[in-house]
Amino acid sequence: MVDERFLMHRLKSTSLAGVVAAVLMGVSVLYQFYANGVLRYDLFGILIIMAVVKLVAMFYFRRTN
């Protein structure tokens, strides 16, 4: 059976994976910009969307909790 500890571990691991993916994508965008002079607008847009969703979720959970 699935207990509460498993659900919390899954929540934390998913959150950590999202943060690591965002940092790696940010490093990739910055590297391509500084090394090659190419700004990848598609990846930059995804980073902005991830940041906005994170902030909206934080404000929502803060307000409803």
N, C-alpha and C. Protein backbone atom coordinates (compact mmCIF):
# COMPACT_ATOMS: atom_id res chain seq x y z
N MET A 1 0.84 -1.19 0.00
CA MET A 1 0.00 0.00 0.00
C MET A 1 0.88 1.25 0.00
N VAL A 2 0.29 2.33 -0.44
CA VAL A 2 1.00 3.62 -0.48
C VAL A 2 0.65 4.38 0.79
N ASP A 3 1.69 4.78 1.52
CA ASP A 3 1.44 5.54 2.74
C ASP A 3 1.87 6.99 2.54
N GLU A 4 1.69 7.78 3.57
CA GLU A 4 1.95 9.21 3.50
C GLU A 4 3.44 9.52 3.28
N ARG A 5 4.32 8.72 3.85
CA ARG A 5 5.76 8.96 3.67
C ARG A 5 6.16 8.80 2.21
N PHE A 6 5.60 7.79 1.54
CA PHE A 6 5.91 7.59 0.13
C PHE A 6 5.45 8.79 -0.69
N LEU A 7 4.27 9.30 -0.41
CA LEU A 7 3.76 10.45 -1.15
C LEU A 7 4.62 11.68 -0.92
N MET A 8 5.08 11.90 0.30
CA MET A 8 5.95 13.04 0.59
C MET A 8 7.31 12.90 -0.09
N HIS A 9 7.85 11.68 -0.11
CA HIS A 9 9.13 11.46 -0.80
C HIS A 9 8.97 11.70 -2.30
N ARG A 10 7.85 11.25 -2.85
CA ARG A 10 7.61 11.47 -4.27
C ARG A 10 7.46 12.96 -4.57
N LEU A 11 6.78 13.69 -3.71
CA LEU A 11 6.60 15.13 -3.89
C LEU A 11 7.95 15.85 -3.84
N LYS A 12 8.77 15.52 -2.85
CA LYS A 12 10.07 16.19 -2.71
C LYS A 12 11.00 15.83 -3.87
N SER A 13 11.01 14.58 -4.29
CA SER A 13 11.90 14.19 -5.38
C SER A 13 11.48 14.83 -6.70
N THR A 14 10.18 14.95 -6.94
CA THR A 14 9.70 15.60 -8.15
C THR A 14 10.05 17.08 -8.14
N SER A 15 9.91 17.71 -6.99
CA SER A 15 10.27 19.12 -6.87
C SER A 15 11.76 19.33 -7.09
N LEU A 16 12.58 18.48 -6.50
CA LEU A 16 14.03 18.58 -6.68
C LEU A 16 14.41 18.36 -8.14
N ALA A 17 13.79 17.41 -8.79
CA ALA A 17 14.09 17.14 -10.20
C ALA A 17 13.72 18.35 -11.07
N GLY A 18 12.62 19.00 -10.76
CA GLY A 18 12.23 20.19 -11.52
C GLY A 18 13.20 21.33 -11.34
N VAL A 19 13.68 21.52 -10.12
CA VAL A 19 14.64 22.59 -9.85
C VAL A 19 15.97 22.29 -10.55
N VAL A 20 16.44 21.07 -10.47
CA VAL A 20 17.69 20.70 -11.13
C VAL A 20 17.57 20.87 -12.64
N ALA A 21 16.45 20.46 -13.21
CA ALA A 21 16.24 20.62 -14.66
C ALA A 21 16.24 22.10 -15.05
N ALA A 22 15.60 22.93 -14.25
CA ALA A 22 15.56 24.37 -14.56
C ALA A 22 16.96 24.98 -14.47
N VAL A 23 17.74 24.61 -13.48
CA VAL A 23 19.10 25.14 -13.35
C VAL A 23 19.96 24.69 -14.52
N LEU A 24 19.88 23.42 -14.88
CA LEU A 24 20.66 22.93 -16.02
C LEU A 24 20.24 23.60 -17.33
N MET A 25 18.95 23.83 -17.51
CA MET A 25 18.49 24.52 -18.70
C MET A 25 18.99 25.96 -18.71
N GLY A 26 18.96 26.61 -17.54
CA GLY A 26 19.48 27.97 -17.45
C GLY A 26 20.97 28.04 -17.76
N VAL A 27 21.73 27.09 -17.25
CA VAL A 27 23.16 27.04 -17.54
C VAL A 27 23.38 26.82 -19.03
N SER A 28 22.59 25.96 -19.64
CA SER A 28 22.72 25.70 -21.07
C SER A 28 22.41 26.95 -21.89
N VAL A 29 21.36 27.67 -21.53
CA VAL A 29 21.00 28.90 -22.24
C VAL A 29 22.11 29.93 -22.10
N LEU A 30 22.61 30.11 -20.88
CA LEU A 30 23.69 31.09 -20.67
C LEU A 30 24.97 30.69 -21.40
N TYR A 31 25.31 29.41 -21.39
CA TYR A 31 26.50 28.96 -22.09
C TYR A 31 26.39 29.23 -23.59
N GLN A 32 25.25 28.87 -24.16
CA GLN A 32 25.07 29.10 -25.60
C GLN A 32 25.09 30.58 -25.93
N PHE A 33 24.58 31.41 -25.02
CA PHE A 33 24.57 32.84 -25.26
C PHE A 33 25.99 33.42 -25.20
N TYR A 34 26.74 33.07 -24.17
CA TYR A 34 28.08 33.64 -24.02
C TYR A 34 29.11 32.98 -24.92
N ALA A 35 29.03 31.70 -25.17
CA ALA A 35 30.04 31.01 -25.98
C ALA A 35 29.78 31.20 -27.47
N ASN A 36 28.53 31.13 -27.88
CA ASN A 36 28.20 31.17 -29.31
C ASN A 36 27.48 32.43 -29.75
N GLY A 37 27.03 33.23 -28.80
CA GLY A 37 26.28 34.44 -29.14
C GLY A 37 24.88 34.16 -29.62
N VAL A 38 24.33 32.99 -29.25
CA VAL A 38 22.99 32.59 -29.69
C VAL A 38 22.08 32.54 -28.48
N LEU A 39 20.99 33.29 -28.54
CA LEU A 39 20.00 33.26 -27.46
C LEU A 39 18.86 32.36 -27.90
N ARG A 40 18.68 31.26 -27.19
CA ARG A 40 17.61 30.31 -27.51
C ARG A 40 16.33 30.80 -26.86
N TYR A 41 15.48 31.44 -27.63
CA TYR A 41 14.24 32.00 -27.11
C TYR A 41 13.27 30.92 -26.65
N ASP A 42 13.31 29.75 -27.28
CA ASP A 42 12.40 28.68 -26.87
C ASP A 42 12.74 28.19 -25.46
N LEU A 43 14.01 27.95 -25.19
CA LEU A 43 14.40 27.51 -23.84
C LEU A 43 14.24 28.62 -22.82
N PHE A 44 14.56 29.86 -23.23
CA PHE A 44 14.39 30.99 -22.34
C PHE A 44 12.92 31.18 -21.97
N GLY A 45 12.04 30.99 -22.94
CA GLY A 45 10.60 31.09 -22.68
C GLY A 45 10.12 30.02 -21.71
N ILE A 46 10.63 28.81 -21.86
CA ILE A 46 10.27 27.73 -20.94
C ILE A 46 10.74 28.05 -19.52
N LEU A 47 11.95 28.60 -19.39
CA LEU A 47 12.46 29.00 -18.07
C LEU A 47 11.57 30.06 -17.43
N ILE A 48 11.13 31.03 -18.21
CA ILE A 48 10.25 32.08 -17.69
C ILE A 48 8.92 31.48 -17.25
N ILE A 49 8.36 30.59 -18.05
CA ILE A 49 7.09 29.95 -17.69
C ILE A 49 7.24 29.13 -16.41
N MET A 50 8.36 28.40 -16.28
CA MET A 50 8.60 27.61 -15.06
C MET A 50 8.66 28.52 -13.83
N ALA A 51 9.34 29.66 -13.97
CA ALA A 51 9.45 30.59 -12.84
C ALA A 51 8.10 31.19 -12.48
N VAL A 52 7.31 31.55 -13.46
CA VAL A 52 5.99 32.14 -13.19
C VAL A 52 5.07 31.11 -12.53
N VAL A 53 5.07 29.89 -13.03
CA VAL A 53 4.23 28.84 -12.42
C VAL A 53 4.66 28.58 -10.98
N LYS A 54 5.96 28.54 -10.73
CA LYS A 54 6.47 28.32 -9.38
C LYS A 54 6.00 29.44 -8.44
N LEU A 55 6.12 30.69 -8.88
CA LEU A 55 5.70 31.81 -8.03
C LEU A 55 4.20 31.82 -7.79
N VAL A 56 3.42 31.55 -8.82
CA VAL A 56 1.96 31.52 -8.66
C VAL A 56 1.55 30.40 -7.71
N ALA A 57 2.18 29.24 -7.84
CA ALA A 57 1.88 28.13 -6.94
C ALA A 57 2.25 28.46 -5.51
N MET A 58 3.40 29.12 -5.32
CA MET A 58 3.82 29.50 -3.96
C MET A 58 2.82 30.46 -3.33
N PHE A 59 2.39 31.46 -4.09
CA PHE A 59 1.41 32.42 -3.57
C PHE A 59 0.06 31.75 -3.30
N TYR A 60 -0.36 30.85 -4.18
CA TYR A 60 -1.62 30.15 -3.99
C TYR A 60 -1.60 29.28 -2.73
N PHE A 61 -0.54 28.48 -2.59
CA PHE A 61 -0.45 27.61 -1.43
C PHE A 61 -0.29 28.41 -0.13
N ARG A 62 0.40 29.52 -0.18
CA ARG A 62 0.56 30.38 1.00
C ARG A 62 -0.80 30.97 1.41
N ARG A 63 -1.58 31.34 0.41
CA ARG A 63 -2.88 31.96 0.71
C ARG A 63 -3.91 30.95 1.20
N THR A 64 -3.89 29.73 0.65
CA THR A 64 -4.91 28.76 1.01
C THR A 64 -4.52 27.88 2.19
N ASN A 65 -3.28 27.95 2.63
CA ASN A 65 -2.86 27.10 3.73
C ASN A 65 -2.91 27.83 5.05
